[in-house]
């Protein structure tokens, strides 16, 4: 935990205050009244979140030596590590969007209530990921050999992601849904944007609360992949946490911006699989570099960033090209 201790309380506090302010503005000002988020609004907010992440990234390039004095990273290495982690998390979050769409469709959640579910889901995601990142930092510091386990896990996950899988979803059999229905009564119908209602003096959960828990559980599952993936890029908890936070904060707007375009990303899952295999291999390389062979050449951070960005660009371009080809074939 020495890397965490080397960041001043003031810097941690300032960043967390910024996150709290943005969340308060989001729900308390811009989305006080439930409404359907139009693509234009979503694209604007996506641009805002990406711009904020890039401004923060520029700050790391310029001031990292002041943020964490005596760090093992130079300013440029810290900036590249953040950008690499942000790209990985942003790319993996697109997979979340596919699942969120299926969940909302399965439970027939009205569009004007989807933002509320995602907002509170992301609050939970931030808390859980903070816990995972702190645990990951402790484990890697105390038991460095676990890099081998994380690396093998990421490679196996990448291979599994590349394999064909069923798109069908039976959420009535989901463990979270069954547990909630067993522990508390759930109303058969939605009650607006409420998660709980009182009926005859008895507290009932609504289907919207069930959806929230499913979304939360889904993000925890995704975090099991994404957190080790970013630790493969950098072991600095501050960079891991901040890159995660910026990607997660932009997830809602990204969801509404891409909700109608998911079919255009046919090959993205293949690209994500390749990225997970790459970062898993990089984690194994890092273990050899630090624990096995003296003077083993360090894997250049810029090369990691170039490989990750290249895989994403190729997979997106291939998806768009395939989508256009199919559209042309469908024309009479």
C-alpha atoms as a PDB file:
ATOM      1  CA  UNK A   1       0.000   0.000   0.000  1.00  0.00           C
ATOM      2  CA  UNK A   2       3.032   2.266  -0.176  1.00  0.00           C
ATOM      3  CA  UNK A   3       1.931   3.643  -3.557  1.00  0.00           C
ATOM      4  CA  UNK A   4      -1.361   4.774  -2.006  1.00  0.00           C
ATOM      5  CA  UNK A   5       0.420   6.300   0.977  1.00  0.00           C
ATOM      6  CA  UNK A   6       2.688   8.324  -1.307  1.00  0.00           C
ATOM      7  CA  UNK A   7      -0.332  10.204  -2.693  1.00  0.00           C
ATOM      8  CA  UNK A   8      -1.360  12.989  -0.324  1.00  0.00           C
ATOM      9  CA  UNK A   9      -4.742  12.942   1.390  1.00  0.00           C
ATOM     10  CA  UNK A  10      -5.476  16.300  -0.220  1.00  0.00           C
ATOM     11  CA  UNK A  11      -5.101  14.901  -3.735  1.00  0.00           C
ATOM     12  CA  UNK A  12      -7.260  11.857  -2.969  1.00  0.00           C
ATOM     13  CA  UNK A  13      -9.829  14.138  -1.333  1.00  0.00           C
ATOM     14  CA  UNK A  14      -9.850  16.571  -4.249  1.00  0.00           C
ATOM     15  CA  UNK A  15     -10.407  13.780  -6.770  1.00  0.00           C
ATOM     16  CA  UNK A  16     -13.196  12.164  -4.728  1.00  0.00           C
ATOM     17  CA  UNK A  17     -14.809  15.595  -4.223  1.00  0.00           C
ATOM     18  CA  UNK A  18     -14.743  16.122  -7.995  1.00  0.00           C
ATOM     19  CA  UNK A  19     -16.448  12.746  -8.531  1.00  0.00           C
ATOM     20  CA  UNK A  20     -19.114  13.561  -5.906  1.00  0.00           C
ATOM     21  CA  UNK A  21     -19.747  16.978  -7.476  1.00  0.00           C
ATOM     22  CA  UNK A  22     -20.182  15.544 -10.967  1.00  0.00           C
ATOM     23  CA  UNK A  23     -22.549  12.845  -9.708  1.00  0.00           C
ATOM     24  CA  UNK A  24     -24.598  15.438  -7.785  1.00  0.00           C
ATOM     25  CA  UNK A  25     -24.862  17.644 -10.877  1.00  0.00           C
ATOM     26  CA  UNK A  26     -25.794  14.665 -13.021  1.00  0.00           C
ATOM     27  CA  UNK A  27     -28.712  13.403 -10.941  1.00  0.00           C
ATOM     28  CA  UNK A  28     -29.689  16.547  -9.021  1.00  0.00           C
ATOM     29  CA  UNK A  29     -29.566  19.079 -11.865  1.00  0.00           C
ATOM     30  CA  UNK A  30     -29.384  17.603 -15.364  1.00  0.00           C
ATOM     31  CA  UNK A  31     -31.528  14.519 -14.729  1.00  0.00           C
ATOM     32  CA  UNK A  32     -33.762  15.674 -11.898  1.00  0.00           C
ATOM     33  CA  UNK A  33     -36.848  14.816 -13.945  1.00  0.00           C
ATOM     34  CA  UNK A  34     -36.995  11.309 -15.468  1.00  0.00           C
ATOM     35  CA  UNK A  35     -36.864  11.505 -19.250  1.00  0.00           C
ATOM     36  CA  UNK A  36     -35.763   9.538 -22.262  1.00  0.00           C
ATOM     37  CA  UNK A  37     -32.113  10.314 -22.968  1.00  0.00           C
ATOM     38  CA  UNK A  38     -31.879  11.226 -26.638  1.00  0.00           C
ATOM     39  CA  UNK A  39     -28.786  10.241 -28.679  1.00  0.00           C
ATOM     40  CA  UNK A  40     -27.773  13.904 -29.083  1.00  0.00           C
ATOM     41  CA  UNK A  41     -27.787  14.491 -25.319  1.00  0.00           C
ATOM     42  CA  UNK A  42     -25.911  11.230 -24.763  1.00  0.00           C
ATOM     43  CA  UNK A  43     -23.249  12.133 -27.332  1.00  0.00           C
ATOM     44  CA  UNK A  44     -22.739  15.548 -25.720  1.00  0.00           C
ATOM     45  CA  UNK A  45     -22.282  13.985 -22.286  1.00  0.00           C
ATOM     46  CA  UNK A  46     -19.978  11.306 -23.719  1.00  0.00           C
ATOM     47  CA  UNK A  47     -17.861  14.078 -25.208  1.00  0.00           C
ATOM     48  CA  UNK A  48     -17.793  15.898 -21.859  1.00  0.00           C
ATOM     49  CA  UNK A  49     -16.654  12.799 -19.948  1.00  0.00           C
ATOM     50  CA  UNK A  50     -13.983  11.956 -22.512  1.00  0.00           C
ATOM     51  CA  UNK A  51     -12.762  15.561 -22.478  1.00  0.00           C
ATOM     52  CA  UNK A  52     -12.545  15.552 -18.670  1.00  0.00           C
ATOM     53  CA  UNK A  53     -10.587  12.282 -18.758  1.00  0.00           C
ATOM     54  CA  UNK A  54      -8.154  13.740 -21.309  1.00  0.00           C
ATOM     55  CA  UNK A  55      -7.716  16.926 -19.256  1.00  0.00           C
ATOM     56  CA  UNK A  56      -6.938  14.807 -16.200  1.00  0.00           C
ATOM     57  CA  UNK A  57      -4.564  12.735 -18.344  1.00  0.00           C
ATOM     58  CA  UNK A  58      -2.785  15.920 -19.452  1.00  0.00           C
ATOM     59  CA  UNK A  59      -2.469  16.870 -15.776  1.00  0.00           C
ATOM     60  CA  UNK A  60      -0.663  13.593 -15.079  1.00  0.00           C
ATOM     61  CA  UNK A  61       1.733  14.238 -17.961  1.00  0.00           C
ATOM     62  CA  UNK A  62       2.482  17.692 -16.562  1.00  0.00           C
ATOM     63  CA  UNK A  63       2.353  17.263 -12.775  1.00  0.00           C
ATOM     64  CA  UNK A  64       2.828  13.565 -11.895  1.00  0.00           C
ATOM     65  CA  UNK A  65       6.182  14.258 -10.207  1.00  0.00           C
ATOM     66  CA  UNK A  66       4.330  16.660  -7.885  1.00  0.00           C
ATOM     67  CA  UNK A  67       1.314  14.401  -7.357  1.00  0.00           C
ATOM     68  CA  UNK A  68       3.522  11.492  -6.294  1.00  0.00           C
ATOM     69  CA  UNK A  69       7.099  12.543  -5.516  1.00  0.00           C
ATOM     70  CA  UNK A  70       9.756   9.812  -5.790  1.00  0.00           C
ATOM     71  CA  UNK A  71       7.462   7.690  -7.940  1.00  0.00           C
ATOM     72  CA  UNK A  72       8.861   4.831 -10.015  1.00  0.00           C
ATOM     73  CA  UNK A  73       7.124   6.463 -13.012  1.00  0.00           C
ATOM     74  CA  UNK A  74       8.217   9.478 -14.987  1.00  0.00           C
ATOM     75  CA  UNK A  75       5.520  11.990 -15.931  1.00  0.00           C
ATOM     76  CA  UNK A  76       5.191  10.529 -19.431  1.00  0.00           C
ATOM     77  CA  UNK A  77       5.025   6.937 -18.129  1.00  0.00           C
ATOM     78  CA  UNK A  78       2.256   7.871 -15.678  1.00  0.00           C
ATOM     79  CA  UNK A  79       0.295   9.635 -18.420  1.00  0.00           C
ATOM     80  CA  UNK A  80       0.661   6.718 -20.833  1.00  0.00           C
ATOM     81  CA  UNK A  81      -0.323   4.223 -18.104  1.00  0.00           C
ATOM     82  CA  UNK A  82      -3.506   6.198 -17.354  1.00  0.00           C
ATOM     83  CA  UNK A  83      -4.448   6.461 -21.029  1.00  0.00           C
ATOM     84  CA  UNK A  84      -3.814   2.733 -21.595  1.00  0.00           C
ATOM     85  CA  UNK A  85      -5.904   1.793 -18.563  1.00  0.00           C
ATOM     86  CA  UNK A  86      -8.669   4.184 -19.591  1.00  0.00           C
ATOM     87  CA  UNK A  87      -8.801   2.716 -23.105  1.00  0.00           C
ATOM     88  CA  UNK A  88      -8.993  -0.842 -21.760  1.00  0.00           C
ATOM     89  CA  UNK A  89     -11.752  -0.002 -19.290  1.00  0.00           C
ATOM     90  CA  UNK A  90     -13.663   2.050 -21.874  1.00  0.00           C
ATOM     91  CA  UNK A  91     -13.471  -0.790 -24.391  1.00  0.00           C
ATOM     92  CA  UNK A  92     -14.528  -3.423 -21.874  1.00  0.00           C
ATOM     93  CA  UNK A  93     -17.443  -1.217 -20.798  1.00  0.00           C
ATOM     94  CA  UNK A  94     -18.931  -1.632 -24.285  1.00  0.00           C
ATOM     95  CA  UNK A  95     -19.447  -5.281 -23.356  1.00  0.00           C
ATOM     96  CA  UNK A  96     -21.386  -4.048 -20.315  1.00  0.00           C
ATOM     97  CA  UNK A  97     -23.642  -2.108 -22.663  1.00  0.00           C
ATOM     98  CA  UNK A  98     -24.673  -5.269 -24.526  1.00  0.00           C
ATOM     99  CA  UNK A  99     -25.650  -6.887 -21.216  1.00  0.00           C
ATOM    100  CA  UNK A 100     -27.447  -3.770 -19.934  1.00  0.00           C
ATOM    101  CA  UNK A 101     -29.522  -3.686 -23.116  1.00  0.00           C
ATOM    102  CA  UNK A 102     -30.541  -7.309 -22.651  1.00  0.00           C
ATOM    103  CA  UNK A 103     -31.427  -6.730 -18.983  1.00  0.00           C
ATOM    104  CA  UNK A 104     -33.557  -3.649 -19.726  1.00  0.00           C
ATOM    105  CA  UNK A 105     -35.247  -5.445 -22.608  1.00  0.00           C
ATOM    106  CA  UNK A 106     -35.905  -8.595 -20.554  1.00  0.00           C
ATOM    107  CA  UNK A 107     -37.547  -6.653 -17.696  1.00  0.00           C
ATOM    108  CA  UNK A 108     -39.207  -4.184 -20.092  1.00  0.00           C
ATOM    109  CA  UNK A 109     -37.772  -1.131 -18.303  1.00  0.00           C
ATOM    110  CA  UNK A 110     -39.129   2.096 -19.763  1.00  0.00           C
ATOM    111  CA  UNK A 111     -36.495   4.341 -21.332  1.00  0.00           C
ATOM    112  CA  UNK A 112     -37.107   7.273 -18.982  1.00  0.00           C
ATOM    113  CA  UNK A 113     -36.185   5.114 -15.944  1.00  0.00           C
ATOM    114  CA  UNK A 114     -33.035   3.523 -17.378  1.00  0.00           C
ATOM    115  CA  UNK A 115     -30.783   6.460 -16.474  1.00  0.00           C
ATOM    116  CA  UNK A 116     -31.817   6.241 -12.793  1.00  0.00           C
ATOM    117  CA  UNK A 117     -30.946   2.537 -12.676  1.00  0.00           C
ATOM    118  CA  UNK A 118     -27.572   3.125 -14.317  1.00  0.00           C
ATOM    119  CA  UNK A 119     -26.820   6.087 -12.034  1.00  0.00           C
ATOM    120  CA  UNK A 120     -27.259   4.121  -8.812  1.00  0.00           C
ATOM    121  CA  UNK A 121     -25.655   1.091 -10.424  1.00  0.00           C
ATOM    122  CA  UNK A 122     -22.563   3.151 -11.133  1.00  0.00           C
ATOM    123  CA  UNK A 123     -22.456   4.451  -7.545  1.00  0.00           C
ATOM    124  CA  UNK A 124     -22.235   0.841  -6.429  1.00  0.00           C
ATOM    125  CA  UNK A 125     -19.701   0.053  -9.151  1.00  0.00           C
ATOM    126  CA  UNK A 126     -17.405   2.829  -7.906  1.00  0.00           C
ATOM    127  CA  UNK A 127     -17.523   1.475  -4.352  1.00  0.00           C
ATOM    128  CA  UNK A 128     -16.928  -2.129  -5.358  1.00  0.00           C
ATOM    129  CA  UNK A 129     -14.084  -1.244  -7.704  1.00  0.00           C
ATOM    130  CA  UNK A 130     -12.395   0.861  -5.031  1.00  0.00           C
ATOM    131  CA  UNK A 131     -12.474  -2.229  -2.797  1.00  0.00           C
ATOM    132  CA  UNK A 132     -11.197  -4.512  -5.576  1.00  0.00           C
ATOM    133  CA  UNK A 133      -8.387  -2.118  -6.483  1.00  0.00           C
ATOM    134  CA  UNK A 134      -7.274  -1.755  -2.841  1.00  0.00           C
ATOM    135  CA  UNK A 135      -7.306  -5.545  -2.416  1.00  0.00           C
ATOM    136  CA  UNK A 136      -5.473  -6.031  -5.715  1.00  0.00           C
ATOM    137  CA  UNK A 137      -2.763  -3.561  -4.680  1.00  0.00           C
ATOM    138  CA  UNK A 138      -2.275  -5.336  -1.342  1.00  0.00           C
ATOM    139  CA  UNK A 139      -2.166  -8.781  -2.936  1.00  0.00           C
ATOM    140  CA  UNK A 140       0.360  -7.756  -5.594  1.00  0.00           C
ATOM    141  CA  UNK A 141       2.553  -6.023  -3.010  1.00  0.00           C
ATOM    142  CA  UNK A 142       2.497  -8.871  -0.491  1.00  0.00           C
ATOM    143  CA  UNK A 143       2.298 -11.814  -2.876  1.00  0.00           C
ATOM    144  CA  UNK A 144       3.976 -10.741  -6.101  1.00  0.00           C
ATOM    145  CA  UNK A 145       3.761 -14.268  -7.540  1.00  0.00           C
ATOM    146  CA  UNK A 146      -0.011 -13.746  -7.934  1.00  0.00           C
ATOM    147  CA  UNK A 147       0.887 -11.874 -11.130  1.00  0.00           C
ATOM    148  CA  UNK A 148       1.196 -15.343 -12.670  1.00  0.00           C
ATOM    149  CA  UNK A 149      -2.353 -16.221 -11.585  1.00  0.00           C
ATOM    150  CA  UNK A 150      -3.765 -12.909 -12.833  1.00  0.00           C
ATOM    151  CA  UNK A 151      -1.926 -13.251 -16.151  1.00  0.00           C
ATOM    152  CA  UNK A 152      -3.141 -16.806 -16.769  1.00  0.00           C
ATOM    153  CA  UNK A 153      -6.674 -15.803 -15.737  1.00  0.00           C
ATOM    154  CA  UNK A 154      -6.737 -12.916 -18.240  1.00  0.00           C
ATOM    155  CA  UNK A 155      -5.446 -15.117 -21.054  1.00  0.00           C
ATOM    156  CA  UNK A 156      -8.067 -17.777 -20.267  1.00  0.00           C
ATOM    157  CA  UNK A 157     -10.795 -15.101 -20.094  1.00  0.00           C
ATOM    158  CA  UNK A 158      -9.713 -13.684 -23.452  1.00  0.00           C
ATOM    159  CA  UNK A 159      -9.831 -17.108 -25.086  1.00  0.00           C
ATOM    160  CA  UNK A 160     -13.263 -17.765 -23.567  1.00  0.00           C
ATOM    161  CA  UNK A 161     -14.538 -14.382 -24.799  1.00  0.00           C
ATOM    162  CA  UNK A 162     -13.449 -15.201 -28.349  1.00  0.00           C
ATOM    163  CA  UNK A 163     -15.423 -18.449 -28.395  1.00  0.00           C
ATOM    164  CA  UNK A 164     -19.026 -18.460 -29.699  1.00  0.00           C
ATOM    165  CA  UNK A 165     -21.610 -18.089 -26.950  1.00  0.00           C
ATOM    166  CA  UNK A 166     -25.371 -17.968 -26.619  1.00  0.00           C
ATOM    167  CA  UNK A 167     -26.970 -14.509 -26.716  1.00  0.00           C
ATOM    168  CA  UNK A 168     -30.113 -15.688 -24.939  1.00  0.00           C
ATOM    169  CA  UNK A 169     -30.705 -14.647 -21.354  1.00  0.00           C
ATOM    170  CA  UNK A 170     -33.046 -16.243 -18.816  1.00  0.00           C
ATOM    171  CA  UNK A 171     -32.905 -13.799 -15.907  1.00  0.00           C
ATOM    172  CA  UNK A 172     -35.656 -15.552 -13.977  1.00  0.00           C
ATOM    173  CA  UNK A 173     -33.012 -18.188 -13.190  1.00  0.00           C
ATOM    174  CA  UNK A 174     -30.385 -15.576 -12.263  1.00  0.00           C
ATOM    175  CA  UNK A 175     -29.061 -16.090  -8.732  1.00  0.00           C
ATOM    176  CA  UNK A 176     -29.600 -12.405  -7.813  1.00  0.00           C
ATOM    177  CA  UNK A 177     -33.214 -12.401  -9.025  1.00  0.00           C
ATOM    178  CA  UNK A 178     -34.028 -15.628  -7.169  1.00  0.00           C
ATOM    179  CA  UNK A 179     -32.336 -14.400  -3.973  1.00  0.00           C
ATOM    180  CA  UNK A 180     -34.187 -11.066  -3.956  1.00  0.00           C
ATOM    181  CA  UNK A 181     -37.554 -12.744  -4.536  1.00  0.00           C
ATOM    182  CA  UNK A 182     -36.789 -15.181  -1.732  1.00  0.00           C
ATOM    183  CA  UNK A 183     -35.752 -12.512   0.788  1.00  0.00           C
ATOM    184  CA  UNK A 184     -38.425  -9.872   0.120  1.00  0.00           C
ATOM    185  CA  UNK A 185     -41.743  -9.487  -1.686  1.00  0.00           C
ATOM    186  CA  UNK A 186     -41.502  -7.998  -5.175  1.00  0.00           C
ATOM    187  CA  UNK A 187     -44.399  -6.220  -6.847  1.00  0.00           C
ATOM    188  CA  UNK A 188     -45.500  -7.692 -10.181  1.00  0.00           C
ATOM    189  CA  UNK A 189     -45.526  -4.232 -11.823  1.00  0.00           C
ATOM    190  CA  UNK A 190     -43.277  -1.165 -11.907  1.00  0.00           C
ATOM    191  CA  UNK A 191     -44.150   1.846  -9.742  1.00  0.00           C
ATOM    192  CA  UNK A 192     -42.623   4.660 -11.745  1.00  0.00           C
ATOM    193  CA  UNK A 193     -38.984   5.254 -10.830  1.00  0.00           C
ATOM    194  CA  UNK A 194     -39.367   3.884  -7.276  1.00  0.00           C
ATOM    195  CA  UNK A 195     -37.205   1.036  -6.027  1.00  0.00           C
ATOM    196  CA  UNK A 196     -39.468   0.379  -3.010  1.00  0.00           C
ATOM    197  CA  UNK A 197     -43.145   0.969  -2.217  1.00  0.00           C
ATOM    198  CA  UNK A 198     -45.375   0.418   0.792  1.00  0.00           C
ATOM    199  CA  UNK A 199     -48.539  -1.617   0.265  1.00  0.00           C
ATOM    200  CA  UNK A 200     -50.876  -2.149   3.243  1.00  0.00           C
ATOM    201  CA  UNK A 201     -48.071  -1.098   5.571  1.00  0.00           C
ATOM    202  CA  UNK A 202     -45.661  -3.654   4.119  1.00  0.00           C
ATOM    203  CA  UNK A 203     -42.485  -2.702   2.272  1.00  0.00           C
ATOM    204  CA  UNK A 204     -42.193  -4.195  -1.235  1.00  0.00           C
ATOM    205  CA  UNK A 205     -39.351  -4.075  -3.705  1.00  0.00           C
ATOM    206  CA  UNK A 206     -40.255  -3.157  -7.265  1.00  0.00           C
ATOM    207  CA  UNK A 207     -38.946  -4.819 -10.432  1.00  0.00           C
ATOM    208  CA  UNK A 208     -36.793  -1.707 -10.931  1.00  0.00           C
ATOM    209  CA  UNK A 209     -34.873  -2.598  -7.750  1.00  0.00           C
ATOM    210  CA  UNK A 210     -34.364  -6.136  -9.049  1.00  0.00           C
ATOM    211  CA  UNK A 211     -32.994  -4.679 -12.295  1.00  0.00           C
ATOM    212  CA  UNK A 212     -30.629  -2.443 -10.275  1.00  0.00           C
ATOM    213  CA  UNK A 213     -29.219  -5.445  -8.400  1.00  0.00           C
ATOM    214  CA  UNK A 214     -28.777  -7.423 -11.629  1.00  0.00           C
ATOM    215  CA  UNK A 215     -26.909  -4.471 -13.187  1.00  0.00           C
ATOM    216  CA  UNK A 216     -24.759  -4.194 -10.041  1.00  0.00           C
ATOM    217  CA  UNK A 217     -23.971  -7.911 -10.027  1.00  0.00           C
ATOM    218  CA  UNK A 218     -23.125  -7.784 -13.729  1.00  0.00           C
ATOM    219  CA  UNK A 219     -20.628  -4.976 -13.159  1.00  0.00           C
ATOM    220  CA  UNK A 220     -18.964  -6.908 -10.337  1.00  0.00           C
ATOM    221  CA  UNK A 221     -18.484  -9.823 -12.744  1.00  0.00           C
ATOM    222  CA  UNK A 222     -16.979  -7.500 -15.359  1.00  0.00           C
ATOM    223  CA  UNK A 223     -14.704  -5.946 -12.735  1.00  0.00           C
ATOM    224  CA  UNK A 224     -13.142  -9.360 -12.135  1.00  0.00           C
ATOM    225  CA  UNK A 225     -11.775  -9.095 -15.698  1.00  0.00           C
ATOM    226  CA  UNK A 226     -11.100  -5.378 -16.000  1.00  0.00           C
ATOM    227  CA  UNK A 227      -9.280  -4.709 -12.713  1.00  0.00           C
ATOM    228  CA  UNK A 228      -6.532  -7.322 -13.327  1.00  0.00           C
ATOM    229  CA  UNK A 229      -6.305  -6.073 -16.921  1.00  0.00           C
ATOM    230  CA  UNK A 230      -5.424  -2.561 -15.750  1.00  0.00           C
ATOM    231  CA  UNK A 231      -3.034  -3.891 -13.093  1.00  0.00           C
ATOM    232  CA  UNK A 232      -1.208  -5.524 -16.006  1.00  0.00           C
ATOM    233  CA  UNK A 233      -0.614  -2.003 -17.348  1.00  0.00           C
ATOM    234  CA  UNK A 234       0.305  -0.346 -14.047  1.00  0.00           C
ATOM    235  CA  UNK A 235       0.510  -1.381 -10.403  1.00  0.00           C
ATOM    236  CA  UNK A 236      -0.043   2.185  -9.176  1.00  0.00           C
ATOM    237  CA  UNK A 237      -3.437   2.197  -7.366  1.00  0.00           C
ATOM    238  CA  UNK A 238      -4.057   5.905  -8.005  1.00  0.00           C
ATOM    239  CA  UNK A 239      -3.687   5.497 -11.772  1.00  0.00           C
ATOM    240  CA  UNK A 240      -5.730   2.285 -11.743  1.00  0.00           C
ATOM    241  CA  UNK A 241      -8.520   3.887  -9.700  1.00  0.00           C
ATOM    242  CA  UNK A 242      -8.722   7.187 -11.581  1.00  0.00           C
ATOM    243  CA  UNK A 243      -8.708   5.536 -15.017  1.00  0.00           C
ATOM    244  CA  UNK A 244     -11.479   3.200 -13.824  1.00  0.00           C
ATOM    245  CA  UNK A 245     -13.525   6.052 -12.392  1.00  0.00           C
ATOM    246  CA  UNK A 246     -13.415   8.181 -15.537  1.00  0.00           C
ATOM    247  CA  UNK A 247     -14.406   5.213 -17.703  1.00  0.00           C
ATOM    248  CA  UNK A 248     -17.277   4.261 -15.370  1.00  0.00           C
ATOM    249  CA  UNK A 249     -18.575   7.831 -15.030  1.00  0.00           C
ATOM    250  CA  UNK A 250     -18.925   7.991 -18.803  1.00  0.00           C
ATOM    251  CA  UNK A 251     -20.608   4.603 -19.056  1.00  0.00           C
ATOM    252  CA  UNK A 252     -24.209   5.883 -18.804  1.00  0.00           C
ATOM    253  CA  UNK A 253     -23.849   8.425 -21.599  1.00  0.00           C
ATOM    254  CA  UNK A 254     -21.972   5.835 -23.672  1.00  0.00           C
ATOM    255  CA  UNK A 255     -24.846   3.409 -23.143  1.00  0.00           C
ATOM    256  CA  UNK A 256     -27.470   5.828 -24.466  1.00  0.00           C
ATOM    257  CA  UNK A 257     -25.188   6.936 -27.313  1.00  0.00           C
ATOM    258  CA  UNK A 258     -24.531   3.383 -28.522  1.00  0.00           C
ATOM    259  CA  UNK A 259     -27.766   1.645 -27.501  1.00  0.00           C
ATOM    260  CA  UNK A 260     -29.085   1.626 -31.036  1.00  0.00           C
ATOM    261  CA  UNK A 261     -25.739   0.874 -32.663  1.00  0.00           C
ATOM    262  CA  UNK A 262     -24.644  -2.303 -30.872  1.00  0.00           C
ATOM    263  CA  UNK A 263     -25.067  -4.419 -33.999  1.00  0.00           C
ATOM    264  CA  UNK A 264     -22.308  -2.352 -35.639  1.00  0.00           C
ATOM    265  CA  UNK A 265     -19.686  -3.734 -33.219  1.00  0.00           C
ATOM    266  CA  UNK A 266     -19.671  -7.334 -34.400  1.00  0.00           C
ATOM    267  CA  UNK A 267     -15.917  -7.837 -34.053  1.00  0.00           C
ATOM    268  CA  UNK A 268     -15.378  -5.755 -30.918  1.00  0.00           C
ATOM    269  CA  UNK A 269     -15.633  -8.812 -28.663  1.00  0.00           C
ATOM    270  CA  UNK A 270     -12.831 -10.421 -30.691  1.00  0.00           C
ATOM    271  CA  UNK A 271     -10.747  -7.272 -30.224  1.00  0.00           C
ATOM    272  CA  UNK A 272     -11.454  -7.241 -26.479  1.00  0.00           C
ATOM    273  CA  UNK A 273     -10.473 -10.903 -26.288  1.00  0.00           C
ATOM    274  CA  UNK A 274      -7.179 -10.100 -28.025  1.00  0.00           C
ATOM    275  CA  UNK A 275      -6.554  -7.224 -25.580  1.00  0.00           C
ATOM    276  CA  UNK A 276      -7.154  -9.469 -22.557  1.00  0.00           C
ATOM    277  CA  UNK A 277      -4.768 -12.085 -23.954  1.00  0.00           C
ATOM    278  CA  UNK A 278      -2.182  -9.369 -24.613  1.00  0.00           C
ATOM    279  CA  UNK A 279      -2.382  -7.785 -21.136  1.00  0.00           C
ATOM    280  CA  UNK A 280      -2.366 -11.252 -19.559  1.00  0.00           C
ATOM    281  CA  UNK A 281       0.824 -12.018 -21.442  1.00  0.00           C
ATOM    282  CA  UNK A 282       2.223  -8.633 -20.446  1.00  0.00           C
ATOM    283  CA  UNK A 283       1.531  -9.436 -16.782  1.00  0.00           C
ATOM    284  CA  UNK A 284       3.483 -12.692 -17.114  1.00  0.00           C
ATOM    285  CA  UNK A 285       6.263 -10.738 -18.862  1.00  0.00           C
ATOM    286  CA  UNK A 286       6.258  -8.266 -15.965  1.00  0.00           C
ATOM    287  CA  UNK A 287       6.673 -11.082 -13.458  1.00  0.00           C
ATOM    288  CA  UNK A 288       9.703 -12.399 -15.347  1.00  0.00           C
ATOM    289  CA  UNK A 289      11.073  -8.846 -15.572  1.00  0.00           C
ATOM    290  CA  UNK A 290      10.853  -8.204 -11.824  1.00  0.00           C
ATOM    291  CA  UNK A 291      11.209 -11.578 -10.159  1.00  0.00           C
ATOM    292  CA  UNK A 292      13.098 -13.992 -12.415  1.00  0.00           C
ATOM    293  CA  UNK A 293      15.645 -12.521 -14.811  1.00  0.00           C
ATOM    294  CA  UNK A 294      17.953  -9.676 -13.869  1.00  0.00           C
ATOM    295  CA  UNK A 295      18.212  -6.942 -16.516  1.00  0.00           C
ATOM    296  CA  UNK A 296      15.217  -8.347 -18.424  1.00  0.00           C
ATOM    297  CA  UNK A 297      14.200  -5.553 -20.824  1.00  0.00           C
ATOM    298  CA  UNK A 298      11.222  -3.520 -19.639  1.00  0.00           C
ATOM    299  CA  UNK A 299       8.147  -3.631 -21.877  1.00  0.00           C
ATOM    300  CA  UNK A 300       7.819  -0.088 -23.291  1.00  0.00           C
ATOM    301  CA  UNK A 301       4.620   1.643 -22.037  1.00  0.00           C
ATOM    302  CA  UNK A 302       4.194   3.382 -25.392  1.00  0.00           C
ATOM    303  CA  UNK A 303       4.267   0.033 -27.190  1.00  0.00           C
ATOM    304  CA  UNK A 304       1.511  -1.273 -24.882  1.00  0.00           C
ATOM    305  CA  UNK A 305      -0.619   1.772 -25.640  1.00  0.00           C
ATOM    306  CA  UNK A 306      -0.018   1.413 -29.393  1.00  0.00           C
ATOM    307  CA  UNK A 307      -0.966  -2.288 -29.368  1.00  0.00           C
ATOM    308  CA  UNK A 308      -4.150  -1.728 -27.334  1.00  0.00           C
ATOM    309  CA  UNK A 309      -5.243   1.246 -29.451  1.00  0.00           C
ATOM    310  CA  UNK A 310      -4.380  -0.619 -32.658  1.00  0.00           C
ATOM    311  CA  UNK A 311      -6.461  -3.659 -31.711  1.00  0.00           C
ATOM    312  CA  UNK A 312      -9.436  -1.430 -30.865  1.00  0.00           C
ATOM    313  CA  UNK A 313      -9.192   0.548 -34.103  1.00  0.00           C
ATOM    314  CA  UNK A 314      -8.908  -2.593 -36.246  1.00  0.00           C
ATOM    315  CA  UNK A 315     -11.855  -4.323 -34.539  1.00  0.00           C
ATOM    316  CA  UNK A 316     -14.094  -1.243 -34.809  1.00  0.00           C
ATOM    317  CA  UNK A 317     -13.165  -0.600 -38.452  1.00  0.00           C
ATOM    318  CA  UNK A 318     -13.762  -4.262 -39.331  1.00  0.00           C
ATOM    319  CA  UNK A 319     -17.148  -4.110 -37.587  1.00  0.00           C
ATOM    320  CA  UNK A 320     -18.190  -0.938 -39.395  1.00  0.00           C
ATOM    321  CA  UNK A 321     -17.053  -2.335 -42.743  1.00  0.00           C
ATOM    322  CA  UNK A 322     -18.979  -5.568 -42.176  1.00  0.00           C
ATOM    323  CA  UNK A 323     -22.077  -3.597 -41.137  1.00  0.00           C
ATOM    324  CA  UNK A 324     -21.933  -1.464 -44.286  1.00  0.00           C
ATOM    325  CA  UNK A 325     -21.406  -4.549 -46.452  1.00  0.00           C
ATOM    326  CA  UNK A 326     -24.460  -6.251 -44.937  1.00  0.00           C
ATOM    327  CA  UNK A 327     -26.538  -3.081 -45.412  1.00  0.00           C
ATOM    328  CA  UNK A 328     -25.563  -2.898 -49.090  1.00  0.00           C
ATOM    329  CA  UNK A 329     -26.458  -6.560 -49.610  1.00  0.00           C
ATOM    330  CA  UNK A 330     -29.843  -5.996 -47.973  1.00  0.00           C
ATOM    331  CA  UNK A 331     -30.713  -3.233 -50.426  1.00  0.00           C
ATOM    332  CA  UNK A 332     -32.936  -4.347 -53.335  1.00  0.00           C
END
